[in-house]
């Protein structure tokens, strides 16, 4: 499972080289918009965001802002 995630992560970062939040820095992290504890799946690329470390930290430090900007989900938008 982790090997598969590493492959998905690597391919996603190669395809998404710039942070989607600041549009300045190189993306180094994968943020799961739907946290694993809320039903997110480790290898579900539909919930991936390619972000820099600073923006990833901001998402987790300010979840209200992240939710308002669609960087953090309480549930998958396609969930019933």
PDB file of N, CA and C in Angstrom:
ATOM      1  N   UNK A   1       0.827  -1.197   0.000  1.00  0.00           N
ATOM      2  CA  UNK A   1       0.000   0.000   0.000  1.00  0.00           C
ATOM      3  C   UNK A   1       0.870   1.260   0.000  1.00  0.00           C
ATOM      4  N   UNK A   2       1.910   1.298   0.844  1.00  0.00           N
ATOM      5  CA  UNK A   2       2.769   2.471   0.872  1.00  0.00           C
ATOM      6  C   UNK A   2       3.596   2.606  -0.402  1.00  0.00           C
ATOM      7  N   UNK A   3       4.006   1.484  -0.980  1.00  0.00           N
ATOM      8  CA  UNK A   3       4.743   1.550  -2.248  1.00  0.00           C
ATOM      9  C   UNK A   3       3.868   2.149  -3.337  1.00  0.00           C
ATOM     10  N   UNK A   4       2.606   1.754  -3.361  1.00  0.00           N
ATOM     11  CA  UNK A   4       1.671   2.301  -4.341  1.00  0.00           C
ATOM     12  C   UNK A   4       1.488   3.802  -4.108  1.00  0.00           C
ATOM     13  N   UNK A   5       1.349   4.214  -2.849  1.00  0.00           N
ATOM     14  CA  UNK A   5       1.212   5.633  -2.529  1.00  0.00           C
ATOM     15  C   UNK A   5       2.440   6.408  -2.997  1.00  0.00           C
ATOM     16  N   UNK A   6       3.623   5.873  -2.739  1.00  0.00           N
ATOM     17  CA  UNK A   6       4.850   6.554  -3.153  1.00  0.00           C
ATOM     18  C   UNK A   6       4.893   6.751  -4.665  1.00  0.00           C
ATOM     19  N   UNK A   7       4.421   5.770  -5.416  1.00  0.00           N
ATOM     20  CA  UNK A   7       4.375   5.911  -6.877  1.00  0.00           C
ATOM     21  C   UNK A   7       3.377   6.995  -7.292  1.00  0.00           C
ATOM     22  N   UNK A   8       2.184   6.968  -6.693  1.00  0.00           N
ATOM     23  CA  UNK A   8       1.171   7.989  -6.992  1.00  0.00           C
ATOM     24  C   UNK A   8       1.682   9.379  -6.617  1.00  0.00           C
ATOM     25  N   UNK A   9       2.273   9.470  -5.441  1.00  0.00           N
ATOM     26  CA  UNK A   9       2.790  10.747  -4.944  1.00  0.00           C
ATOM     27  C   UNK A   9       3.847  11.298  -5.890  1.00  0.00           C
ATOM     28  N   UNK A  10       4.793  10.469  -6.249  1.00  0.00           N
ATOM     29  CA  UNK A  10       5.877  10.898  -7.127  1.00  0.00           C
ATOM     30  C   UNK A  10       5.337  11.365  -8.480  1.00  0.00           C
ATOM     31  N   UNK A  11       4.463  10.584  -9.077  1.00  0.00           N
ATOM     32  CA  UNK A  11       3.895  10.944 -10.379  1.00  0.00           C
ATOM     33  C   UNK A  11       3.084  12.233 -10.272  1.00  0.00           C
ATOM     34  N   UNK A  12       2.335  12.403  -9.190  1.00  0.00           N
ATOM     35  CA  UNK A  12       1.513  13.599  -9.015  1.00  0.00           C
ATOM     36  C   UNK A  12       2.383  14.840  -8.886  1.00  0.00           C
ATOM     37  N   UNK A  13       3.461  14.738  -8.112  1.00  0.00           N
ATOM     38  CA  UNK A  13       4.349  15.884  -7.937  1.00  0.00           C
ATOM     39  C   UNK A  13       5.082  16.227  -9.229  1.00  0.00           C
ATOM     40  N   UNK A  14       5.425  15.230 -10.033  1.00  0.00           N
ATOM     41  CA  UNK A  14       6.065  15.489 -11.327  1.00  0.00           C
ATOM     42  C   UNK A  14       5.098  16.233 -12.249  1.00  0.00           C
ATOM     43  N   UNK A  15       3.832  15.865 -12.198  1.00  0.00           N
ATOM     44  CA  UNK A  15       2.814  16.497 -13.050  1.00  0.00           C
ATOM     45  C   UNK A  15       2.334  17.841 -12.522  1.00  0.00           C
ATOM     46  N   UNK A  16       2.592  18.106 -11.249  1.00  0.00           N
ATOM     47  CA  UNK A  16       2.120  19.331 -10.587  1.00  0.00           C
ATOM     48  C   UNK A  16       3.301  19.942  -9.836  1.00  0.00           C
ATOM     49  N   UNK A  17       4.168  20.574 -10.557  1.00  0.00           N
ATOM     50  CA  UNK A  17       5.457  21.023 -10.002  1.00  0.00           C
ATOM     51  C   UNK A  17       5.368  22.274  -9.130  1.00  0.00           C
ATOM     52  N   UNK A  18       4.326  23.063  -9.309  1.00  0.00           N
ATOM     53  CA  UNK A  18       4.207  24.317  -8.558  1.00  0.00           C
ATOM     54  C   UNK A  18       3.063  24.216  -7.557  1.00  0.00           C
ATOM     55  N   UNK A  19       3.288  24.741  -6.382  1.00  0.00           N
ATOM     56  CA  UNK A  19       2.265  24.734  -5.324  1.00  0.00           C
ATOM     57  C   UNK A  19       0.976  25.361  -5.834  1.00  0.00           C
ATOM     58  N   UNK A  20      -0.137  24.652  -5.659  1.00  0.00           N
ATOM     59  CA  UNK A  20      -1.426  25.145  -6.146  1.00  0.00           C
ATOM     60  C   UNK A  20      -1.996  26.264  -5.281  1.00  0.00           C
ATOM     61  N   UNK A  21      -1.406  26.505  -4.136  1.00  0.00           N
ATOM     62  CA  UNK A  21      -1.920  27.553  -3.257  1.00  0.00           C
ATOM     63  C   UNK A  21      -1.196  28.878  -3.504  1.00  0.00           C
ATOM     64  N   UNK A  22       0.116  28.883  -3.379  1.00  0.00           N
ATOM     65  CA  UNK A  22       0.853  30.143  -3.551  1.00  0.00           C
ATOM     66  C   UNK A  22       1.279  30.395  -4.996  1.00  0.00           C
ATOM     67  N   UNK A  23       1.318  29.343  -5.802  1.00  0.00           N
ATOM     68  CA  UNK A  23       1.755  29.448  -7.205  1.00  0.00           C
ATOM     69  C   UNK A  23       3.150  30.042  -7.355  1.00  0.00           C
ATOM     70  N   UNK A  24       3.967  29.891  -6.317  1.00  0.00           N
ATOM     71  CA  UNK A  24       5.325  30.429  -6.344  1.00  0.00           C
ATOM     72  C   UNK A  24       6.372  29.344  -6.133  1.00  0.00           C
ATOM     73  N   UNK A  25       6.147  28.544  -5.124  1.00  0.00           N
ATOM     74  CA  UNK A  25       7.145  27.563  -4.709  1.00  0.00           C
ATOM     75  C   UNK A  25       6.943  26.217  -5.390  1.00  0.00           C
ATOM     76  N   UNK A  26       8.019  25.458  -5.423  1.00  0.00           N
ATOM     77  CA  UNK A  26       7.941  24.091  -5.928  1.00  0.00           C
ATOM     78  C   UNK A  26       7.069  23.261  -4.991  1.00  0.00           C
ATOM     79  N   UNK A  27       6.223  22.424  -5.552  1.00  0.00           N
ATOM     80  CA  UNK A  27       5.414  21.534  -4.708  1.00  0.00           C
ATOM     81  C   UNK A  27       6.303  20.391  -4.231  1.00  0.00           C
ATOM     82  N   UNK A  28       6.289  20.187  -2.929  1.00  0.00           N
ATOM     83  CA  UNK A  28       7.108  19.148  -2.304  1.00  0.00           C
ATOM     84  C   UNK A  28       6.255  18.157  -1.524  1.00  0.00           C
ATOM     85  N   UNK A  29       5.020  18.523  -1.239  1.00  0.00           N
ATOM     86  CA  UNK A  29       4.141  17.721  -0.391  1.00  0.00           C
ATOM     87  C   UNK A  29       2.846  17.398  -1.121  1.00  0.00           C
ATOM     88  N   UNK A  30       2.250  16.305  -0.708  1.00  0.00           N
ATOM     89  CA  UNK A  30       0.890  15.972  -1.119  1.00  0.00           C
ATOM     90  C   UNK A  30      -0.003  16.212   0.090  1.00  0.00           C
ATOM     91  N   UNK A  31      -1.010  17.038  -0.096  1.00  0.00           N
ATOM     92  CA  UNK A  31      -2.021  17.238   0.946  1.00  0.00           C
ATOM     93  C   UNK A  31      -3.270  16.476   0.525  1.00  0.00           C
ATOM     94  N   UNK A  32      -3.829  15.723   1.442  1.00  0.00           N
ATOM     95  CA  UNK A  32      -5.088  15.005   1.200  1.00  0.00           C
ATOM     96  C   UNK A  32      -6.223  15.918   1.650  1.00  0.00           C
ATOM     97  N   UNK A  33      -6.989  16.433   0.690  1.00  0.00           N
ATOM     98  CA  UNK A  33      -8.081  17.362   1.039  1.00  0.00           C
ATOM     99  C   UNK A  33      -9.111  16.700   1.948  1.00  0.00           C
ATOM    100  N   UNK A  34      -9.324  15.411   1.773  1.00  0.00           N
ATOM    101  CA  UNK A  34     -10.198  14.659   2.673  1.00  0.00           C
ATOM    102  C   UNK A  34      -9.271  13.826   3.558  1.00  0.00           C
ATOM    103  N   UNK A  35      -9.116  14.220   4.823  1.00  0.00           N
ATOM    104  CA  UNK A  35      -8.193  13.507   5.696  1.00  0.00           C
ATOM    105  C   UNK A  35      -8.524  12.019   5.797  1.00  0.00           C
ATOM    106  N   UNK A  36      -7.499  11.244   5.999  1.00  0.00           N
ATOM    107  CA  UNK A  36      -7.666   9.797   6.091  1.00  0.00           C
ATOM    108  C   UNK A  36      -8.620   9.440   7.228  1.00  0.00           C
ATOM    109  N   UNK A  37      -8.613  10.209   8.294  1.00  0.00           N
ATOM    110  CA  UNK A  37      -9.505   9.964   9.412  1.00  0.00           C
ATOM    111  C   UNK A  37     -10.966  10.296   9.132  1.00  0.00           C
ATOM    112  N   UNK A  38     -11.227  10.985   8.036  1.00  0.00           N
ATOM    113  CA  UNK A  38     -12.601  11.335   7.640  1.00  0.00           C
ATOM    114  C   UNK A  38     -13.061  10.511   6.439  1.00  0.00           C
ATOM    115  N   UNK A  39     -12.322   9.483   6.113  1.00  0.00           N
ATOM    116  CA  UNK A  39     -12.722   8.616   5.008  1.00  0.00           C
ATOM    117  C   UNK A  39     -11.890   8.762   3.753  1.00  0.00           C
ATOM    118  N   UNK A  40     -10.895   9.635   3.782  1.00  0.00           N
ATOM    119  CA  UNK A  40     -10.003   9.772   2.639  1.00  0.00           C
ATOM    120  C   UNK A  40      -9.179   8.503   2.454  1.00  0.00           C
ATOM    121  N   UNK A  41      -8.877   8.211   1.214  1.00  0.00           N
ATOM    122  CA  UNK A  41      -8.091   7.028   0.884  1.00  0.00           C
ATOM    123  C   UNK A  41      -6.676   7.469   0.513  1.00  0.00           C
ATOM    124  N   UNK A  42      -5.702   6.770   1.027  1.00  0.00           N
ATOM    125  CA  UNK A  42      -4.300   7.119   0.844  1.00  0.00           C
ATOM    126  C   UNK A  42      -3.937   7.323  -0.622  1.00  0.00           C
ATOM    127  N   UNK A  43      -4.432   6.459  -1.505  1.00  0.00           N
ATOM    128  CA  UNK A  43      -4.042   6.492  -2.917  1.00  0.00           C
ATOM    129  C   UNK A  43      -5.063   7.156  -3.837  1.00  0.00           C
ATOM    130  N   UNK A  44      -6.020   7.872  -3.286  1.00  0.00           N
ATOM    131  CA  UNK A  44      -7.059   8.523  -4.084  1.00  0.00           C
ATOM    132  C   UNK A  44      -6.552   9.863  -4.594  1.00  0.00           C
ATOM    133  N   UNK A  45      -6.055   9.887  -5.829  1.00  0.00           N
ATOM    134  CA  UNK A  45      -5.468  11.114  -6.373  1.00  0.00           C
ATOM    135  C   UNK A  45      -6.503  12.229  -6.549  1.00  0.00           C
ATOM    136  N   UNK A  46      -7.797  11.915  -6.493  1.00  0.00           N
ATOM    137  CA  UNK A  46      -8.817  12.963  -6.615  1.00  0.00           C
ATOM    138  C   UNK A  46      -8.857  13.872  -5.395  1.00  0.00           C
ATOM    139  N   UNK A  47      -8.227  13.460  -4.312  1.00  0.00           N
ATOM    140  CA  UNK A  47      -8.189  14.304  -3.118  1.00  0.00           C
ATOM    141  C   UNK A  47      -6.810  14.908  -2.890  1.00  0.00           C
ATOM    142  N   UNK A  48      -5.869  14.662  -3.799  1.00  0.00           N
ATOM    143  CA  UNK A  48      -4.506  15.184  -3.671  1.00  0.00           C
ATOM    144  C   UNK A  48      -4.447  16.661  -4.045  1.00  0.00           C
ATOM    145  N   UNK A  49      -3.610  17.389  -3.327  1.00  0.00           N
ATOM    146  CA  UNK A  49      -3.187  18.724  -3.713  1.00  0.00           C
ATOM    147  C   UNK A  49      -1.661  18.742  -3.643  1.00  0.00           C
ATOM    148  N   UNK A  50      -1.028  19.268  -4.669  1.00  0.00           N
ATOM    149  CA  UNK A  50       0.425  19.429  -4.667  1.00  0.00           C
ATOM    150  C   UNK A  50       0.732  20.800  -4.075  1.00  0.00           C
ATOM    151  N   UNK A  51       1.432  20.804  -2.951  1.00  0.00           N
ATOM    152  CA  UNK A  51       1.683  22.048  -2.226  1.00  0.00           C
ATOM    153  C   UNK A  51       3.133  22.116  -1.755  1.00  0.00           C
ATOM    154  N   UNK A  52       3.572  23.329  -1.445  1.00  0.00           N
ATOM    155  CA  UNK A  52       4.881  23.496  -0.814  1.00  0.00           C
ATOM    156  C   UNK A  52       4.720  23.254   0.696  1.00  0.00           C
ATOM    157  N   UNK A  53       5.808  23.106   1.386  1.00  0.00           N
ATOM    158  CA  UNK A  53       5.774  22.837   2.829  1.00  0.00           C
ATOM    159  C   UNK A  53       5.098  23.984   3.579  1.00  0.00           C
ATOM    160  N   UNK A  54       5.390  25.228   3.216  1.00  0.00           N
ATOM    161  CA  UNK A  54       4.803  26.373   3.927  1.00  0.00           C
ATOM    162  C   UNK A  54       3.280  26.388   3.787  1.00  0.00           C
ATOM    163  N   UNK A  55       2.790  26.145   2.594  1.00  0.00           N
ATOM    164  CA  UNK A  55       1.331  26.147   2.391  1.00  0.00           C
ATOM    165  C   UNK A  55       0.689  24.932   3.045  1.00  0.00           C
ATOM    166  N   UNK A  56       1.372  23.801   3.056  1.00  0.00           N
ATOM    167  CA  UNK A  56       0.845  22.623   3.735  1.00  0.00           C
ATOM    168  C   UNK A  56       0.696  22.916   5.230  1.00  0.00           C
ATOM    169  N   UNK A  57       1.699  23.571   5.791  1.00  0.00           N
ATOM    170  CA  UNK A  57       1.608  23.959   7.205  1.00  0.00           C
ATOM    171  C   UNK A  57       0.437  24.901   7.435  1.00  0.00           C
ATOM    172  N   UNK A  58       0.228  25.859   6.535  1.00  0.00           N
ATOM    173  CA  UNK A  58      -0.881  26.818   6.687  1.00  0.00           C
ATOM    174  C   UNK A  58      -2.228  26.095   6.683  1.00  0.00           C
ATOM    175  N   UNK A  59      -2.393  25.115   5.816  1.00  0.00           N
ATOM    176  CA  UNK A  59      -3.640  24.343   5.766  1.00  0.00           C
ATOM    177  C   UNK A  59      -3.945  23.744   7.136  1.00  0.00           C
ATOM    178  N   UNK A  60      -2.935  23.149   7.748  1.00  0.00           N
ATOM    179  CA  UNK A  60      -3.154  22.470   9.028  1.00  0.00           C
ATOM    180  C   UNK A  60      -3.221  23.434  10.207  1.00  0.00           C
ATOM    181  N   UNK A  61      -2.609  24.601  10.065  1.00  0.00           N
ATOM    182  CA  UNK A  61      -2.655  25.586  11.141  1.00  0.00           C
ATOM    183  C   UNK A  61      -3.941  26.407  11.118  1.00  0.00           C
ATOM    184  N   UNK A  62      -4.576  26.479   9.952  1.00  0.00           N
ATOM    185  CA  UNK A  62      -5.793  27.294   9.817  1.00  0.00           C
ATOM    186  C   UNK A  62      -6.861  26.518   9.039  1.00  0.00           C
ATOM    187  N   UNK A  63      -7.434  25.478   9.665  1.00  0.00           N
ATOM    188  CA  UNK A  63      -8.394  24.638   8.955  1.00  0.00           C
ATOM    189  C   UNK A  63      -9.636  25.378   8.473  1.00  0.00           C
ATOM    190  N   UNK A  64     -10.055  26.409   9.180  1.00  0.00           N
ATOM    191  CA  UNK A  64     -11.223  27.180   8.726  1.00  0.00           C
ATOM    192  C   UNK A  64     -10.920  27.834   7.376  1.00  0.00           C
ATOM    193  N   UNK A  65      -9.785  28.481   7.273  1.00  0.00           N
ATOM    194  CA  UNK A  65      -9.358  29.093   6.010  1.00  0.00           C
ATOM    195  C   UNK A  65      -9.245  28.020   4.924  1.00  0.00           C
ATOM    196  N   UNK A  66      -8.654  26.875   5.280  1.00  0.00           N
ATOM    197  CA  UNK A  66      -8.466  25.796   4.309  1.00  0.00           C
ATOM    198  C   UNK A  66      -9.806  25.270   3.797  1.00  0.00           C
ATOM    199  N   UNK A  67     -10.784  25.124   4.686  1.00  0.00           N
ATOM    200  CA  UNK A  67     -12.115  24.671   4.256  1.00  0.00           C
ATOM    201  C   UNK A  67     -12.786  25.716   3.362  1.00  0.00           C
ATOM    202  N   UNK A  68     -12.682  26.971   3.728  1.00  0.00           N
ATOM    203  CA  UNK A  68     -13.290  28.048   2.938  1.00  0.00           C
ATOM    204  C   UNK A  68     -12.710  28.117   1.524  1.00  0.00           C
ATOM    205  N   UNK A  69     -11.468  27.682   1.366  1.00  0.00           N
ATOM    206  CA  UNK A  69     -10.786  27.747   0.074  1.00  0.00           C
ATOM    207  C   UNK A  69     -10.700  26.395  -0.633  1.00  0.00           C
ATOM    208  N   UNK A  70     -11.458  25.421  -0.133  1.00  0.00           N
ATOM    209  CA  UNK A  70     -11.550  24.097  -0.747  1.00  0.00           C
ATOM    210  C   UNK A  70     -10.238  23.307  -0.688  1.00  0.00           C
ATOM    211  N   UNK A  71      -9.393  23.622   0.279  1.00  0.00           N
ATOM    212  CA  UNK A  71      -8.155  22.881   0.470  1.00  0.00           C
ATOM    213  C   UNK A  71      -8.325  21.769   1.498  1.00  0.00           C
ATOM    214  N   UNK A  72      -9.425  21.795   2.212  1.00  0.00           N
ATOM    215  CA  UNK A  72      -9.711  20.801   3.236  1.00  0.00           C
ATOM    216  C   UNK A  72     -11.199  20.513   3.199  1.00  0.00           C
ATOM    217  N   UNK A  73     -11.539  19.244   3.117  1.00  0.00           N
ATOM    218  CA  UNK A  73     -12.943  18.829   3.022  1.00  0.00           C
ATOM    219  C   UNK A  73     -13.379  18.097   4.287  1.00  0.00           C
ATOM    220  N   UNK A  74     -14.632  18.301   4.661  1.00  0.00           N
ATOM    221  CA  UNK A  74     -15.226  17.527   5.747  1.00  0.00           C
ATOM    222  C   UNK A  74     -15.746  16.196   5.218  1.00  0.00           C
ATOM    223  N   UNK A  75     -16.155  16.189   3.938  1.00  0.00           N
ATOM    224  CA  UNK A  75     -16.579  14.965   3.264  1.00  0.00           C
ATOM    225  C   UNK A  75     -16.288  15.128   1.777  1.00  0.00           C
ATOM    226  N   UNK A  76     -16.238  14.030   1.082  1.00  0.00           N
ATOM    227  CA  UNK A  76     -15.970  14.075  -0.355  1.00  0.00           C
ATOM    228  C   UNK A  76     -17.153  14.731  -1.055  1.00  0.00           C
ATOM    229  N   UNK A  77     -16.915  15.672  -1.960  1.00  0.00           N
ATOM    230  CA  UNK A  77     -18.012  16.358  -2.640  1.00  0.00           C
ATOM    231  C   UNK A  77     -18.923  15.421  -3.417  1.00  0.00           C
ATOM    232  N   UNK A  78     -18.433  14.259  -3.813  1.00  0.00           N
ATOM    233  CA  UNK A  78     -19.245  13.302  -4.560  1.00  0.00           C
ATOM    234  C   UNK A  78     -19.963  12.306  -3.646  1.00  0.00           C
ATOM    235  N   UNK A  79     -19.775  12.465  -2.336  1.00  0.00           N
ATOM    236  CA  UNK A  79     -20.439  11.557  -1.397  1.00  0.00           C
ATOM    237  C   UNK A  79     -21.918  11.906  -1.299  1.00  0.00           C
ATOM    238  N   UNK A  80     -22.711  10.895  -1.084  1.00  0.00           N
ATOM    239  CA  UNK A  80     -24.171  11.140  -0.987  1.00  0.00           C
ATOM    240  C   UNK A  80     -24.560  11.647   0.384  1.00  0.00           C
TER     241      UNK A  80
END
